[in-house]
Each structure stands twice: as C-alpha cells, then as structure tokens.
C-alpha cells in the first residue's frame, strides 16, 4: 500500500501544477512542488480559484483559514492528502 502514496502524490501534484500553469499561462515544466505562490505570482484570488478546483476535483472541503497557511504547491498536495486521509478514517 505504501507504494501507492508516491504515485498519489505525483498525481495530485500534476493536477495542481497543470491548473496553476493554465491559470497563470506559464510552462508547467517550470513549476515544482517546491514552487511558492509568491514565485508563481499567485494572489489571494488565484488561491481561492485553486481551492475551488481542488475541492471539486477531489470531493473535499478546504477550510477557509487553511488557505492562508498554503505557501507552496507541495503544501496544497500535502493538504489534499491529509484531508483525504481524514475522510477515510
């Protein structure tokens, strides 16, 4: 089962990176999980749009106060995985 975790992480990251690249019209190859929203020039509206996309895509709810703590693409990936894990327990 642990082998599926990195695959899930890659899958979630790919979806998030693809969405950000389309939203900001930048090459997805230039975005990694370490990319910060500041580097990507994402403002609060961009983060809200990303949260809506993630919520719809994964059937989860991201608490409004959690958006403020998200600084990198990896933070979003980790958050999605954490919320999904909480739903299954």
PDB file of N, CA and C in Angstrom:
ATOM      1  N   UNK A   1       0.815  -1.195   0.000  1.00  0.00           N
ATOM      2  CA  UNK A   1       0.000   0.000   0.000  1.00  0.00           C
ATOM      3  C   UNK A   1       0.858   1.259   0.000  1.00  0.00           C
ATOM      4  N   UNK A   2       2.007   1.221   0.650  1.00  0.00           N
ATOM      5  CA  UNK A   2       2.857   2.408   0.713  1.00  0.00           C
ATOM      6  C   UNK A   2       3.385   2.801  -0.659  1.00  0.00           C
ATOM      7  N   UNK A   3       3.410   1.857  -1.615  1.00  0.00           N
ATOM      8  CA  UNK A   3       3.878   2.187  -2.958  1.00  0.00           C
ATOM      9  C   UNK A   3       2.918   3.135  -3.676  1.00  0.00           C
ATOM     10  N   UNK A   4       1.652   3.127  -3.291  1.00  0.00           N
ATOM     11  CA  UNK A   4       0.684   3.987  -3.961  1.00  0.00           C
ATOM     12  C   UNK A   4       0.763   5.428  -3.473  1.00  0.00           C
ATOM     13  N   UNK A   5       1.366   5.662  -2.330  1.00  0.00           N
ATOM     14  CA  UNK A   5       1.437   7.020  -1.784  1.00  0.00           C
ATOM     15  C   UNK A   5       2.238   7.954  -2.698  1.00  0.00           C
ATOM     16  N   UNK A   6       3.472   7.584  -3.103  1.00  0.00           N
ATOM     17  CA  UNK A   6       4.190   8.495  -4.009  1.00  0.00           C
ATOM     18  C   UNK A   6       3.448   8.704  -5.325  1.00  0.00           C
ATOM     19  N   UNK A   7       2.807   7.657  -5.819  1.00  0.00           N
ATOM     20  CA  UNK A   7       2.044   7.781  -7.061  1.00  0.00           C
ATOM     21  C   UNK A   7       0.889   8.758  -6.864  1.00  0.00           C
ATOM     22  N   UNK A   8       0.199   8.650  -5.744  1.00  0.00           N
ATOM     23  CA  UNK A   8      -0.905   9.571  -5.444  1.00  0.00           C
ATOM     24  C   UNK A   8      -0.372  10.996  -5.336  1.00  0.00           C
ATOM     25  N   UNK A   9       0.771  11.156  -4.681  1.00  0.00           N
ATOM     26  CA  UNK A   9       1.380  12.475  -4.543  1.00  0.00           C
ATOM     27  C   UNK A   9       1.685  13.058  -5.911  1.00  0.00           C
ATOM     28  N   UNK A  10       2.281  12.254  -6.790  1.00  0.00           N
ATOM     29  CA  UNK A  10       2.608  12.720  -8.149  1.00  0.00           C
ATOM     30  C   UNK A  10       1.351  13.094  -8.913  1.00  0.00           C
ATOM     31  N   UNK A  11       0.315  12.285  -8.778  1.00  0.00           N
ATOM     32  CA  UNK A  11      -0.938  12.541  -9.485  1.00  0.00           C
ATOM     33  C   UNK A  11      -1.571  13.850  -9.023  1.00  0.00           C
ATOM     34  N   UNK A  12      -1.637  14.049  -7.729  1.00  0.00           N
ATOM     35  CA  UNK A  12      -2.209  15.282  -7.178  1.00  0.00           C
ATOM     36  C   UNK A  12      -1.368  16.478  -7.606  1.00  0.00           C
ATOM     37  N   UNK A  13      -0.055  16.340  -7.498  1.00  0.00           N
ATOM     38  CA  UNK A  13       0.847  17.432  -7.882  1.00  0.00           C
ATOM     39  C   UNK A  13       0.676  17.787  -9.352  1.00  0.00           C
ATOM     40  N   UNK A  14       0.544  16.781 -10.195  1.00  0.00           N
ATOM     41  CA  UNK A  14       0.391  17.022 -11.638  1.00  0.00           C
ATOM     42  C   UNK A  14      -0.894  17.811 -11.916  1.00  0.00           C
ATOM     43  N   UNK A  15      -1.987  17.442 -11.243  1.00  0.00           N
ATOM     44  CA  UNK A  15      -3.258  18.151 -11.427  1.00  0.00           C
ATOM     45  C   UNK A  15      -3.122  19.611 -10.989  1.00  0.00           C
ATOM     46  N   UNK A  16      -2.517  19.830  -9.830  1.00  0.00           N
ATOM     47  CA  UNK A  16      -2.374  21.180  -9.290  1.00  0.00           C
ATOM     48  C   UNK A  16      -1.450  22.022 -10.176  1.00  0.00           C
ATOM     49  N   UNK A  17      -0.342  21.436 -10.585  1.00  0.00           N
ATOM     50  CA  UNK A  17       0.607  22.151 -11.446  1.00  0.00           C
ATOM     51  C   UNK A  17      -0.037  22.510 -12.781  1.00  0.00           C
ATOM     52  N   UNK A  18      -0.785  21.578 -13.358  1.00  0.00           N
ATOM     53  CA  UNK A  18      -1.463  21.829 -14.629  1.00  0.00           C
ATOM     54  C   UNK A  18      -2.459  22.974 -14.491  1.00  0.00           C
ATOM     55  N   UNK A  19      -3.221  22.982 -13.391  1.00  0.00           N
ATOM     56  CA  UNK A  19      -4.199  24.040 -13.173  1.00  0.00           C
ATOM     57  C   UNK A  19      -3.501  25.394 -13.024  1.00  0.00           C
ATOM     58  N   UNK A  20      -2.448  25.453 -12.201  1.00  0.00           N
ATOM     59  CA  UNK A  20      -1.728  26.715 -11.989  1.00  0.00           C
ATOM     60  C   UNK A  20      -1.117  27.207 -13.299  1.00  0.00           C
ATOM     61  N   UNK A  21      -0.520  26.303 -14.052  1.00  0.00           N
ATOM     62  CA  UNK A  21       0.106  26.688 -15.324  1.00  0.00           C
ATOM     63  C   UNK A  21      -0.925  27.291 -16.270  1.00  0.00           C
ATOM     64  N   UNK A  22      -2.103  26.688 -16.329  1.00  0.00           N
ATOM     65  CA  UNK A  22      -3.154  27.216 -17.204  1.00  0.00           C
ATOM     66  C   UNK A  22      -3.661  28.560 -16.690  1.00  0.00           C
ATOM     67  N   UNK A  23      -3.834  28.653 -15.378  1.00  0.00           N
ATOM     68  CA  UNK A  23      -4.360  29.877 -14.778  1.00  0.00           C
ATOM     69  C   UNK A  23      -3.391  31.049 -14.952  1.00  0.00           C
ATOM     70  N   UNK A  24      -2.110  30.779 -14.805  1.00  0.00           N
ATOM     71  CA  UNK A  24      -1.105  31.843 -14.869  1.00  0.00           C
ATOM     72  C   UNK A  24      -0.410  31.914 -16.236  1.00  0.00           C
ATOM     73  N   UNK A  25      -0.835  31.079 -17.174  1.00  0.00           N
ATOM     74  CA  UNK A  25      -0.244  30.988 -18.514  1.00  0.00           C
ATOM     75  C   UNK A  25       1.290  30.913 -18.463  1.00  0.00           C
ATOM     76  N   UNK A  26       1.756  29.903 -17.748  1.00  0.00           N
ATOM     77  CA  UNK A  26       3.193  29.626 -17.685  1.00  0.00           C
ATOM     78  C   UNK A  26       3.436  28.155 -17.997  1.00  0.00           C
ATOM     79  N   UNK A  27       4.653  27.824 -18.345  1.00  0.00           N
ATOM     80  CA  UNK A  27       5.032  26.460 -18.688  1.00  0.00           C
ATOM     81  C   UNK A  27       4.978  25.578 -17.439  1.00  0.00           C
ATOM     82  N   UNK A  28       4.195  24.495 -17.471  1.00  0.00           N
ATOM     83  CA  UNK A  28       4.111  23.622 -16.298  1.00  0.00           C
ATOM     84  C   UNK A  28       5.461  23.005 -15.913  1.00  0.00           C
ATOM     85  N   UNK A  29       6.382  22.911 -16.881  1.00  0.00           N
ATOM     86  CA  UNK A  29       7.701  22.358 -16.583  1.00  0.00           C
ATOM     87  C   UNK A  29       8.497  23.252 -15.630  1.00  0.00           C
ATOM     88  N   UNK A  30       8.083  24.506 -15.515  1.00  0.00           N
ATOM     89  CA  UNK A  30       8.803  25.435 -14.637  1.00  0.00           C
ATOM     90  C   UNK A  30       8.253  25.413 -13.206  1.00  0.00           C
ATOM     91  N   UNK A  31       7.220  24.596 -12.967  1.00  0.00           N
ATOM     92  CA  UNK A  31       6.587  24.537 -11.647  1.00  0.00           C
ATOM     93  C   UNK A  31       6.909  23.208 -10.989  1.00  0.00           C
ATOM     94  N   UNK A  32       7.286  23.259  -9.717  1.00  0.00           N
ATOM     95  CA  UNK A  32       7.533  22.039  -8.946  1.00  0.00           C
ATOM     96  C   UNK A  32       6.770  22.133  -7.630  1.00  0.00           C
ATOM     97  N   UNK A  33       6.820  21.070  -6.846  1.00  0.00           N
ATOM     98  CA  UNK A  33       6.162  21.106  -5.549  1.00  0.00           C
ATOM     99  C   UNK A  33       6.808  22.133  -4.624  1.00  0.00           C
ATOM    100  N   UNK A  34       8.049  22.472  -4.885  1.00  0.00           N
ATOM    101  CA  UNK A  34       8.744  23.464  -4.062  1.00  0.00           C
ATOM    102  C   UNK A  34       8.428  24.897  -4.482  1.00  0.00           C
ATOM    103  N   UNK A  35       7.769  25.072  -5.612  1.00  0.00           N
ATOM    104  CA  UNK A  35       7.436  26.415  -6.093  1.00  0.00           C
ATOM    105  C   UNK A  35       6.501  27.109  -5.110  1.00  0.00           C
ATOM    106  N   UNK A  36       6.846  28.354  -4.790  1.00  0.00           N
ATOM    107  CA  UNK A  36       5.989  29.117  -3.880  1.00  0.00           C
ATOM    108  C   UNK A  36       4.951  29.888  -4.685  1.00  0.00           C
ATOM    109  N   UNK A  37       3.856  30.211  -4.015  1.00  0.00           N
ATOM    110  CA  UNK A  37       2.827  31.004  -4.685  1.00  0.00           C
ATOM    111  C   UNK A  37       3.354  32.402  -4.989  1.00  0.00           C
ATOM    112  N   UNK A  38       4.267  32.878  -4.182  1.00  0.00           N
ATOM    113  CA  UNK A  38       4.876  34.183  -4.443  1.00  0.00           C
ATOM    114  C   UNK A  38       5.668  34.132  -5.753  1.00  0.00           C
ATOM    115  N   UNK A  39       6.483  33.087  -5.925  1.00  0.00           N
ATOM    116  CA  UNK A  39       7.254  32.923  -7.161  1.00  0.00           C
ATOM    117  C   UNK A  39       6.335  32.827  -8.382  1.00  0.00           C
ATOM    118  N   UNK A  40       5.193  32.187  -8.192  1.00  0.00           N
ATOM    119  CA  UNK A  40       4.244  31.986  -9.281  1.00  0.00           C
ATOM    120  C   UNK A  40       3.313  33.182  -9.475  1.00  0.00           C
ATOM    121  N   UNK A  41       3.525  34.203  -8.648  1.00  0.00           N
ATOM    122  CA  UNK A  41       2.732  35.439  -8.682  1.00  0.00           C
ATOM    123  C   UNK A  41       1.238  35.162  -8.530  1.00  0.00           C
ATOM    124  N   UNK A  42       0.933  34.262  -7.586  1.00  0.00           N
ATOM    125  CA  UNK A  42      -0.458  33.933  -7.291  1.00  0.00           C
ATOM    126  C   UNK A  42      -0.955  34.811  -6.154  1.00  0.00           C
ATOM    127  N   UNK A  43      -2.036  35.541  -6.423  1.00  0.00           N
ATOM    128  CA  UNK A  43      -2.615  36.382  -5.381  1.00  0.00           C
ATOM    129  C   UNK A  43      -3.733  35.609  -4.663  1.00  0.00           C
ATOM    130  N   UNK A  44      -4.419  36.284  -3.764  1.00  0.00           N
ATOM    131  CA  UNK A  44      -5.446  35.602  -2.964  1.00  0.00           C
ATOM    132  C   UNK A  44      -6.581  35.065  -3.838  1.00  0.00           C
ATOM    133  N   UNK A  45      -6.940  35.771  -4.892  1.00  0.00           N
ATOM    134  CA  UNK A  45      -7.987  35.283  -5.785  1.00  0.00           C
ATOM    135  C   UNK A  45      -7.536  34.013  -6.507  1.00  0.00           C
ATOM    136  N   UNK A  46      -6.282  33.983  -6.934  1.00  0.00           N
ATOM    137  CA  UNK A  46      -5.736  32.776  -7.573  1.00  0.00           C
ATOM    138  C   UNK A  46      -5.804  31.588  -6.617  1.00  0.00           C
ATOM    139  N   UNK A  47      -5.471  31.832  -5.342  1.00  0.00           N
ATOM    140  CA  UNK A  47      -5.502  30.755  -4.349  1.00  0.00           C
ATOM    141  C   UNK A  47      -6.930  30.271  -4.114  1.00  0.00           C
ATOM    142  N   UNK A  48      -7.879  31.186  -4.126  1.00  0.00           N
ATOM    143  CA  UNK A  48      -9.291  30.803  -3.951  1.00  0.00           C
ATOM    144  C   UNK A  48      -9.743  29.965  -5.147  1.00  0.00           C
ATOM    145  N   UNK A  49      -9.396  30.390  -6.350  1.00  0.00           N
ATOM    146  CA  UNK A  49      -9.744  29.613  -7.546  1.00  0.00           C
ATOM    147  C   UNK A  49      -9.121  28.222  -7.503  1.00  0.00           C
ATOM    148  N   UNK A  50      -7.873  28.141  -7.050  1.00  0.00           N
ATOM    149  CA  UNK A  50      -7.201  26.852  -6.915  1.00  0.00           C
ATOM    150  C   UNK A  50      -7.926  25.989  -5.892  1.00  0.00           C
ATOM    151  N   UNK A  51      -8.334  26.581  -4.787  1.00  0.00           N
ATOM    152  CA  UNK A  51      -9.026  25.788  -3.757  1.00  0.00           C
ATOM    153  C   UNK A  51     -10.353  25.258  -4.287  1.00  0.00           C
ATOM    154  N   UNK A  52     -11.097  26.079  -5.068  1.00  0.00           N
ATOM    155  CA  UNK A  52     -12.352  25.610  -5.659  1.00  0.00           C
ATOM    156  C   UNK A  52     -12.101  24.428  -6.598  1.00  0.00           C
ATOM    157  N   UNK A  53     -11.063  24.545  -7.409  1.00  0.00           N
ATOM    158  CA  UNK A  53     -10.718  23.483  -8.350  1.00  0.00           C
ATOM    159  C   UNK A  53     -10.378  22.194  -7.604  1.00  0.00           C
ATOM    160  N   UNK A  54      -9.566  22.306  -6.570  1.00  0.00           N
ATOM    161  CA  UNK A  54      -9.155  21.138  -5.790  1.00  0.00           C
ATOM    162  C   UNK A  54     -10.357  20.514  -5.078  1.00  0.00           C
ATOM    163  N   UNK A  55     -11.197  21.350  -4.487  1.00  0.00           N
ATOM    164  CA  UNK A  55     -12.380  20.845  -3.786  1.00  0.00           C
ATOM    165  C   UNK A  55     -13.290  20.079  -4.739  1.00  0.00           C
ATOM    166  N   UNK A  56     -13.515  20.646  -5.912  1.00  0.00           N
ATOM    167  CA  UNK A  56     -14.393  19.999  -6.893  1.00  0.00           C
ATOM    168  C   UNK A  56     -13.777  18.709  -7.418  1.00  0.00           C
ATOM    169  N   UNK A  57     -12.507  18.763  -7.729  1.00  0.00           N
ATOM    170  CA  UNK A  57     -11.823  17.610  -8.327  1.00  0.00           C
ATOM    171  C   UNK A  57     -11.730  16.427  -7.368  1.00  0.00           C
ATOM    172  N   UNK A  58     -11.466  16.712  -6.094  1.00  0.00           N
ATOM    173  CA  UNK A  58     -11.225  15.636  -5.133  1.00  0.00           C
ATOM    174  C   UNK A  58     -12.376  15.415  -4.149  1.00  0.00           C
ATOM    175  N   UNK A  59     -13.460  16.174  -4.292  1.00  0.00           N
ATOM    176  CA  UNK A  59     -14.612  15.981  -3.426  1.00  0.00           C
ATOM    177  C   UNK A  59     -14.319  16.238  -1.961  1.00  0.00           C
ATOM    178  N   UNK A  60     -13.504  17.267  -1.705  1.00  0.00           N
ATOM    179  CA  UNK A  60     -13.130  17.608  -0.330  1.00  0.00           C
ATOM    180  C   UNK A  60     -13.509  19.055  -0.053  1.00  0.00           C
ATOM    181  N   UNK A  61     -13.384  19.444   1.192  1.00  0.00           N
ATOM    182  CA  UNK A  61     -13.634  20.827   1.579  1.00  0.00           C
ATOM    183  C   UNK A  61     -12.391  21.362   2.274  1.00  0.00           C
ATOM    184  N   UNK A  62     -11.861  22.449   1.749  1.00  0.00           N
ATOM    185  CA  UNK A  62     -10.674  23.078   2.333  1.00  0.00           C
ATOM    186  C   UNK A  62     -11.153  24.205   3.244  1.00  0.00           C
ATOM    187  N   UNK A  63     -10.805  24.142   4.526  1.00  0.00           N
ATOM    188  CA  UNK A  63     -11.219  25.221   5.436  1.00  0.00           C
ATOM    189  C   UNK A  63     -10.639  26.561   4.978  1.00  0.00           C
ATOM    190  N   UNK A  64     -11.451  27.617   5.074  1.00  0.00           N
ATOM    191  CA  UNK A  64     -11.014  28.949   4.636  1.00  0.00           C
ATOM    192  C   UNK A  64      -9.724  29.384   5.322  1.00  0.00           C
ATOM    193  N   UNK A  65      -9.604  29.081   6.613  1.00  0.00           N
ATOM    194  CA  UNK A  65      -8.404  29.510   7.338  1.00  0.00           C
ATOM    195  C   UNK A  65      -7.154  28.755   6.877  1.00  0.00           C
ATOM    196  N   UNK A  66      -7.324  27.612   6.230  1.00  0.00           N
ATOM    197  CA  UNK A  66      -6.177  26.843   5.744  1.00  0.00           C
ATOM    198  C   UNK A  66      -5.520  27.512   4.545  1.00  0.00           C
ATOM    199  N   UNK A  67      -6.282  28.278   3.783  1.00  0.00           N
ATOM    200  CA  UNK A  67      -5.729  28.933   2.591  1.00  0.00           C
ATOM    201  C   UNK A  67      -4.572  29.861   2.936  1.00  0.00           C
ATOM    202  N   UNK A  68      -4.672  30.522   4.080  1.00  0.00           N
ATOM    203  CA  UNK A  68      -3.617  31.465   4.479  1.00  0.00           C
ATOM    204  C   UNK A  68      -2.283  30.770   4.740  1.00  0.00           C
ATOM    205  N   UNK A  69      -2.331  29.498   5.161  1.00  0.00           N
ATOM    206  CA  UNK A  69      -1.096  28.794   5.509  1.00  0.00           C
ATOM    207  C   UNK A  69      -0.435  28.135   4.298  1.00  0.00           C
ATOM    208  N   UNK A  70      -1.120  28.106   3.173  1.00  0.00           N
ATOM    209  CA  UNK A  70      -0.563  27.478   1.978  1.00  0.00           C
ATOM    210  C   UNK A  70       0.436  28.422   1.309  1.00  0.00           C
ATOM    211  N   UNK A  71       1.668  27.955   1.204  1.00  0.00           N
ATOM    212  CA  UNK A  71       2.726  28.790   0.624  1.00  0.00           C
ATOM    213  C   UNK A  71       3.331  28.199  -0.646  1.00  0.00           C
ATOM    214  N   UNK A  72       3.250  26.860  -0.788  1.00  0.00           N
ATOM    215  CA  UNK A  72       3.871  26.187  -1.932  1.00  0.00           C
ATOM    216  C   UNK A  72       2.888  25.209  -2.571  1.00  0.00           C
ATOM    217  N   UNK A  73       3.242  24.752  -3.755  1.00  0.00           N
ATOM    218  CA  UNK A  73       2.455  23.718  -4.427  1.00  0.00           C
ATOM    219  C   UNK A  73       2.430  22.470  -3.545  1.00  0.00           C
ATOM    220  N   UNK A  74       3.552  22.146  -2.944  1.00  0.00           N
ATOM    221  CA  UNK A  74       3.639  20.978  -2.058  1.00  0.00           C
ATOM    222  C   UNK A  74       2.712  21.085  -0.859  1.00  0.00           C
ATOM    223  N   UNK A  75       2.511  22.298  -0.345  1.00  0.00           N
ATOM    224  CA  UNK A  75       1.568  22.496   0.760  1.00  0.00           C
ATOM    225  C   UNK A  75       0.165  22.071   0.341  1.00  0.00           C
ATOM    226  N   UNK A  76      -0.217  22.396  -0.876  1.00  0.00           N
ATOM    227  CA  UNK A  76      -1.550  22.034  -1.370  1.00  0.00           C
ATOM    228  C   UNK A  76      -1.649  20.512  -1.511  1.00  0.00           C
ATOM    229  N   UNK A  77      -0.618  19.898  -2.085  1.00  0.00           N
ATOM    230  CA  UNK A  77      -0.597  18.439  -2.243  1.00  0.00           C
ATOM    231  C   UNK A  77      -0.732  17.768  -0.872  1.00  0.00           C
ATOM    232  N   UNK A  78       0.073  18.216   0.096  1.00  0.00           N
ATOM    233  CA  UNK A  78       0.016  17.652   1.445  1.00  0.00           C
ATOM    234  C   UNK A  78      -1.364  17.842   2.066  1.00  0.00           C
ATOM    235  N   UNK A  79      -1.934  19.018   1.865  1.00  0.00           N
ATOM    236  CA  UNK A  79      -3.255  19.306   2.420  1.00  0.00           C
ATOM    237  C   UNK A  79      -4.331  18.411   1.830  1.00  0.00           C
ATOM    238  N   UNK A  80      -4.295  18.202   0.517  1.00  0.00           N
ATOM    239  CA  UNK A  80      -5.269  17.316  -0.135  1.00  0.00           C
ATOM    240  C   UNK A  80      -5.142  15.909   0.431  1.00  0.00           C
ATOM    241  N   UNK A  81      -3.913  15.434   0.554  1.00  0.00           N
ATOM    242  CA  UNK A  81      -3.705  14.083   1.076  1.00  0.00           C
ATOM    243  C   UNK A  81      -4.177  13.967   2.524  1.00  0.00           C
ATOM    244  N   UNK A  82      -3.914  14.979   3.324  1.00  0.00           N
ATOM    245  CA  UNK A  82      -4.326  14.963   4.729  1.00  0.00           C
ATOM    246  C   UNK A  82      -5.855  14.942   4.841  1.00  0.00           C
ATOM    247  N   UNK A  83      -6.525  15.779   4.066  1.00  0.00           N
ATOM    248  CA  UNK A  83      -7.991  15.831   4.110  1.00  0.00           C
ATOM    249  C   UNK A  83      -8.581  14.511   3.605  1.00  0.00           C
ATOM    250  N   UNK A  84      -7.997  13.944   2.551  1.00  0.00           N
ATOM    251  CA  UNK A  84      -8.478  12.654   2.043  1.00  0.00           C
ATOM    252  C   UNK A  84      -8.301  11.564   3.096  1.00  0.00           C
ATOM    253  N   UNK A  85      -7.168  11.573   3.791  1.00  0.00           N
ATOM    254  CA  UNK A  85      -6.907  10.564   4.833  1.00  0.00           C
ATOM    255  C   UNK A  85      -7.906  10.709   5.981  1.00  0.00           C
ATOM    256  N   UNK A  86      -8.232  11.946   6.340  1.00  0.00           N
ATOM    257  CA  UNK A  86      -9.192  12.168   7.412  1.00  0.00           C
ATOM    258  C   UNK A  86     -10.588  11.690   7.026  1.00  0.00           C
ATOM    259  N   UNK A  87     -10.921  11.783   5.740  1.00  0.00           N
ATOM    260  CA  UNK A  87     -12.227  11.325   5.264  1.00  0.00           C
ATOM    261  C   UNK A  87     -12.373   9.807   5.354  1.00  0.00           C
ATOM    262  N   UNK A  88     -11.249   9.091   5.223  1.00  0.00           N
ATOM    263  CA  UNK A  88     -11.295   7.632   5.211  1.00  0.00           C
ATOM    264  C   UNK A  88     -11.212   7.039   6.614  1.00  0.00           C
ATOM    265  N   UNK A  89     -10.920   7.859   7.615  1.00  0.00           N
ATOM    266  CA  UNK A  89     -10.824   7.319   8.983  1.00  0.00           C
ATOM    267  C   UNK A  89     -12.055   7.628   9.789  1.00  0.00           C
TER     268      UNK A  89
END
